[in-house]
Amino acid sequence: MSTFEERYNNPLRSMELALVRAYRTDEMMTDWETVNALNALIREYTAVQRRRQPPTPHRSPLAQQSYDELKLVCAGWLGHAPVVDEARQMSDLGDKALSLQEVIDCLKRLRRSVEYWQKEGGRRGYFEFIDGFLPDTRP
């Protein structure tokens, strides 16, 4: 595990869990929708960072589902909302919130992972790889 993954283990894990929640909700979810959602959030947060109007891209319903799950988690790590952990417990990060650049970096790291596992395992390669590592948080 690299130093980036060690340093941002909790945010990366919670972001991955958000993506897997969307995957577990709809059996038609593919890595492509996930990359689409990650790209949309990266573009949105980059625009905010540059003090520009965020784009309003059109997303498929599945990509929108991933986007919504992921944006909620990112809001928590940015300190704009409580963070929901694996047990669905909410907590406030206070001064441990991440900067916008740190969240963008985490999203880019996840995108690289999705793209890698998609090449290795096909259209659902990322989810087939990651699903077994994350707890089932369905009610």
C-alpha atoms as a PDB file:
ATOM      1  CA  MET A   1       0.000   0.000   0.000  1.00  0.00           C
ATOM      2  CA  SER A   2       1.424   3.366  -0.963  1.00  0.00           C
ATOM      3  CA  THR A   3       1.681   6.317   1.359  1.00  0.00           C
ATOM      4  CA  PHE A   4      -1.292   8.018  -0.320  1.00  0.00           C
ATOM      5  CA  GLU A   5      -3.532   5.019   0.369  1.00  0.00           C
ATOM      6  CA  GLU A   6      -2.259   4.813   3.942  1.00  0.00           C
ATOM      7  CA  ARG A   7      -2.826   8.500   4.608  1.00  0.00           C
ATOM      8  CA  TYR A   8      -6.301   8.586   3.019  1.00  0.00           C
ATOM      9  CA  ASN A   9      -7.419   5.069   3.900  1.00  0.00           C
ATOM     10  CA  ASN A  10     -10.630   6.144   5.670  1.00  0.00           C
ATOM     11  CA  PRO A  11     -11.850   8.597   3.008  1.00  0.00           C
ATOM     12  CA  LEU A  12     -10.986   6.178   0.186  1.00  0.00           C
ATOM     13  CA  ARG A  13     -12.725   3.308   1.956  1.00  0.00           C
ATOM     14  CA  SER A  14     -15.879   5.328   2.605  1.00  0.00           C
ATOM     15  CA  MET A  15     -15.928   6.546  -1.012  1.00  0.00           C
ATOM     16  CA  GLU A  16     -15.522   2.978  -2.241  1.00  0.00           C
ATOM     17  CA  LEU A  17     -18.322   1.877   0.058  1.00  0.00           C
ATOM     18  CA  ALA A  18     -20.591   4.554  -1.428  1.00  0.00           C
ATOM     19  CA  LEU A  19     -19.835   3.239  -4.915  1.00  0.00           C
ATOM     20  CA  VAL A  20     -20.417  -0.359  -3.856  1.00  0.00           C
ATOM     21  CA  ARG A  21     -23.744   0.649  -2.268  1.00  0.00           C
ATOM     22  CA  ALA A  22     -24.889   1.946  -5.661  1.00  0.00           C
ATOM     23  CA  TYR A  23     -23.575  -1.247  -7.304  1.00  0.00           C
ATOM     24  CA  ARG A  24     -25.391  -3.504  -4.852  1.00  0.00           C
ATOM     25  CA  THR A  25     -28.617  -1.557  -5.386  1.00  0.00           C
ATOM     26  CA  ASP A  26     -28.749  -2.150  -9.141  1.00  0.00           C
ATOM     27  CA  GLU A  27     -27.369  -5.224 -10.870  1.00  0.00           C
ATOM     28  CA  MET A  28     -27.018  -3.263 -14.133  1.00  0.00           C
ATOM     29  CA  MET A  29     -24.341  -0.953 -12.651  1.00  0.00           C
ATOM     30  CA  THR A  30     -21.038  -1.112 -14.514  1.00  0.00           C
ATOM     31  CA  ASP A  31     -17.618   0.405 -14.084  1.00  0.00           C
ATOM     32  CA  TRP A  32     -18.413   2.854 -16.882  1.00  0.00           C
ATOM     33  CA  GLU A  33     -21.188   4.529 -14.841  1.00  0.00           C
ATOM     34  CA  THR A  34     -18.809   4.750 -11.910  1.00  0.00           C
ATOM     35  CA  VAL A  35     -16.089   6.430 -13.989  1.00  0.00           C
ATOM     36  CA  ASN A  36     -18.742   8.804 -15.341  1.00  0.00           C
ATOM     37  CA  ALA A  37     -19.780   9.742 -11.775  1.00  0.00           C
ATOM     38  CA  LEU A  38     -16.155  10.140 -10.644  1.00  0.00           C
ATOM     39  CA  ASN A  39     -15.348  12.352 -13.642  1.00  0.00           C
ATOM     40  CA  ALA A  40     -18.413  14.498 -12.963  1.00  0.00           C
ATOM     41  CA  LEU A  41     -17.416  15.079  -9.341  1.00  0.00           C
ATOM     42  CA  ILE A  42     -13.797  15.765 -10.247  1.00  0.00           C
ATOM     43  CA  ARG A  43     -14.922  18.367 -12.811  1.00  0.00           C
ATOM     44  CA  GLU A  44     -17.409  19.882 -10.349  1.00  0.00           C
ATOM     45  CA  TYR A  45     -14.929  20.185  -7.469  1.00  0.00           C
ATOM     46  CA  THR A  46     -12.195  21.464  -9.785  1.00  0.00           C
ATOM     47  CA  ALA A  47     -14.563  24.198 -11.018  1.00  0.00           C
ATOM     48  CA  VAL A  48     -15.409  25.149  -7.427  1.00  0.00           C
ATOM     49  CA  GLN A  49     -11.707  25.233  -6.589  1.00  0.00           C
ATOM     50  CA  ARG A  50     -11.096  27.576  -9.534  1.00  0.00           C
ATOM     51  CA  ARG A  51     -14.117  29.684  -8.547  1.00  0.00           C
ATOM     52  CA  ARG A  52     -15.961  28.861 -11.736  1.00  0.00           C
ATOM     53  CA  GLN A  53     -19.461  27.668 -12.412  1.00  0.00           C
ATOM     54  CA  PRO A  54     -19.584  23.862 -12.147  1.00  0.00           C
ATOM     55  CA  PRO A  55     -20.706  22.101 -15.323  1.00  0.00           C
ATOM     56  CA  THR A  56     -24.104  20.423 -15.449  1.00  0.00           C
ATOM     57  CA  PRO A  57     -23.429  17.221 -17.351  1.00  0.00           C
ATOM     58  CA  HIS A  58     -26.093  14.772 -18.391  1.00  0.00           C
ATOM     59  CA  ARG A  59     -25.726  11.404 -16.689  1.00  0.00           C
ATOM     60  CA  SER A  60     -27.485   8.111 -17.099  1.00  0.00           C
ATOM     61  CA  PRO A  61     -29.693   7.117 -14.144  1.00  0.00           C
ATOM     62  CA  LEU A  62     -27.063   4.606 -13.003  1.00  0.00           C
ATOM     63  CA  ALA A  63     -24.250   7.144 -13.179  1.00  0.00           C
ATOM     64  CA  GLN A  64     -26.484   9.601 -11.305  1.00  0.00           C
ATOM     65  CA  GLN A  65     -27.025   7.019  -8.578  1.00  0.00           C
ATOM     66  CA  SER A  66     -23.250   6.587  -8.119  1.00  0.00           C
ATOM     67  CA  TYR A  67     -22.767  10.349  -8.284  1.00  0.00           C
ATOM     68  CA  ASP A  68     -25.376  10.986  -5.567  1.00  0.00           C
ATOM     69  CA  GLU A  69     -23.956   8.339  -3.208  1.00  0.00           C
ATOM     70  CA  LEU A  70     -20.419   9.581  -3.727  1.00  0.00           C
ATOM     71  CA  LYS A  71     -21.243  13.278  -3.417  1.00  0.00           C
ATOM     72  CA  LEU A  72     -22.887  12.666  -0.044  1.00  0.00           C
ATOM     73  CA  VAL A  73     -19.735  10.993   1.245  1.00  0.00           C
ATOM     74  CA  CYS A  74     -17.513  13.727  -0.199  1.00  0.00           C
ATOM     75  CA  ALA A  75     -19.636  16.385   1.511  1.00  0.00           C
ATOM     76  CA  GLY A  76     -18.916  14.656   4.801  1.00  0.00           C
ATOM     77  CA  TRP A  77     -15.161  14.534   4.211  1.00  0.00           C
ATOM     78  CA  LEU A  78     -15.210  18.199   3.200  1.00  0.00           C
ATOM     79  CA  GLY A  79     -16.858  19.019   6.533  1.00  0.00           C
ATOM     80  CA  HIS A  80     -20.168  20.117   4.985  1.00  0.00           C
ATOM     81  CA  ALA A  81     -22.171  17.209   6.410  1.00  0.00           C
ATOM     82  CA  PRO A  82     -21.693  14.382   8.888  1.00  0.00           C
ATOM     83  CA  VAL A  83     -19.623  11.425   7.711  1.00  0.00           C
ATOM     84  CA  VAL A  84     -21.516   8.138   7.634  1.00  0.00           C
ATOM     85  CA  ASP A  85     -19.346   5.143   8.477  1.00  0.00           C
ATOM     86  CA  GLU A  86     -19.783   1.463   7.609  1.00  0.00           C
ATOM     87  CA  ALA A  87     -22.198   0.934  10.491  1.00  0.00           C
ATOM     88  CA  ARG A  88     -24.241   3.916   9.243  1.00  0.00           C
ATOM     89  CA  GLN A  89     -23.208   5.934  12.301  1.00  0.00           C
ATOM     90  CA  MET A  90     -22.812   9.666  11.721  1.00  0.00           C
ATOM     91  CA  SER A  91     -19.968  11.764  13.034  1.00  0.00           C
ATOM     92  CA  ASP A  92     -18.641  15.280  12.563  1.00  0.00           C
ATOM     93  CA  LEU A  93     -14.999  15.558  11.455  1.00  0.00           C
ATOM     94  CA  GLY A  94     -14.476  19.022  12.870  1.00  0.00           C
ATOM     95  CA  ASP A  95     -10.923  20.168  12.101  1.00  0.00           C
ATOM     96  CA  LYS A  96     -10.072  16.791  10.496  1.00  0.00           C
ATOM     97  CA  ALA A  97     -12.042  17.626   7.351  1.00  0.00           C
ATOM     98  CA  LEU A  98     -10.216  17.272   4.050  1.00  0.00           C
ATOM     99  CA  SER A  99      -9.421  20.110   1.704  1.00  0.00           C
ATOM    100  CA  LEU A 100     -11.071  20.291  -1.699  1.00  0.00           C
ATOM    101  CA  GLN A 101      -7.775  19.261  -3.330  1.00  0.00           C
ATOM    102  CA  GLU A 102      -7.480  16.218  -1.067  1.00  0.00           C
ATOM    103  CA  VAL A 103     -10.990  15.073  -2.019  1.00  0.00           C
ATOM    104  CA  ILE A 104     -10.182  15.607  -5.721  1.00  0.00           C
ATOM    105  CA  ASP A 105      -6.998  13.560  -5.288  1.00  0.00           C
ATOM    106  CA  CYS A 106      -8.969  10.749  -3.627  1.00  0.00           C
ATOM    107  CA  LEU A 107     -11.517  10.763  -6.461  1.00  0.00           C
ATOM    108  CA  LYS A 108      -8.706  10.608  -9.032  1.00  0.00           C
ATOM    109  CA  ARG A 109      -7.130   7.687  -7.178  1.00  0.00           C
ATOM    110  CA  LEU A 110     -10.450   5.842  -7.204  1.00  0.00           C
ATOM    111  CA  ARG A 111     -10.859   6.561 -10.917  1.00  0.00           C
ATOM    112  CA  ARG A 112      -7.457   4.992 -11.631  1.00  0.00           C
ATOM    113  CA  SER A 113      -8.470   1.941  -9.637  1.00  0.00           C
ATOM    114  CA  VAL A 114     -11.775   1.559 -11.474  1.00  0.00           C
ATOM    115  CA  GLU A 115     -10.061   1.952 -14.842  1.00  0.00           C
ATOM    116  CA  TYR A 116      -7.388  -0.605 -13.900  1.00  0.00           C
ATOM    117  CA  TRP A 117      -9.841  -3.241 -12.699  1.00  0.00           C
ATOM    118  CA  GLN A 118     -12.124  -2.624 -15.656  1.00  0.00           C
ATOM    119  CA  LYS A 119      -9.226  -3.461 -17.989  1.00  0.00           C
ATOM    120  CA  GLU A 120      -8.366  -6.519 -15.912  1.00  0.00           C
ATOM    121  CA  GLY A 121     -11.858  -7.888 -15.343  1.00  0.00           C
ATOM    122  CA  GLY A 122     -14.237  -6.409 -17.891  1.00  0.00           C
ATOM    123  CA  ARG A 123     -17.222  -4.116 -17.579  1.00  0.00           C
ATOM    124  CA  ARG A 124     -17.804  -4.931 -13.879  1.00  0.00           C
ATOM    125  CA  GLY A 125     -14.211  -5.800 -13.000  1.00  0.00           C
ATOM    126  CA  TYR A 126     -13.820  -3.091 -10.370  1.00  0.00           C
ATOM    127  CA  PHE A 127     -16.968  -4.091  -8.511  1.00  0.00           C
ATOM    128  CA  GLU A 128     -16.241  -7.802  -8.740  1.00  0.00           C
ATOM    129  CA  PHE A 129     -12.828  -7.097  -7.218  1.00  0.00           C
ATOM    130  CA  ILE A 130     -13.790  -4.602  -4.506  1.00  0.00           C
ATOM    131  CA  ASP A 131     -17.166  -6.018  -3.405  1.00  0.00           C
ATOM    132  CA  GLY A 132     -15.651  -8.776  -1.293  1.00  0.00           C
ATOM    133  CA  PHE A 133     -13.486  -6.353   0.684  1.00  0.00           C
ATOM    134  CA  LEU A 134     -16.313  -4.119   1.908  1.00  0.00           C
ATOM    135  CA  PRO A 135     -19.019  -4.990   4.432  1.00  0.00           C
ATOM    136  CA  ASP A 136     -22.636  -5.389   3.418  1.00  0.00           C
ATOM    137  CA  THR A 137     -24.395  -2.371   4.932  1.00  0.00           C
ATOM    138  CA  ARG A 138     -27.841  -3.033   3.528  1.00  0.00           C
ATOM    139  CA  PRO A 139     -30.583  -2.788   6.165  1.00  0.00           C
END
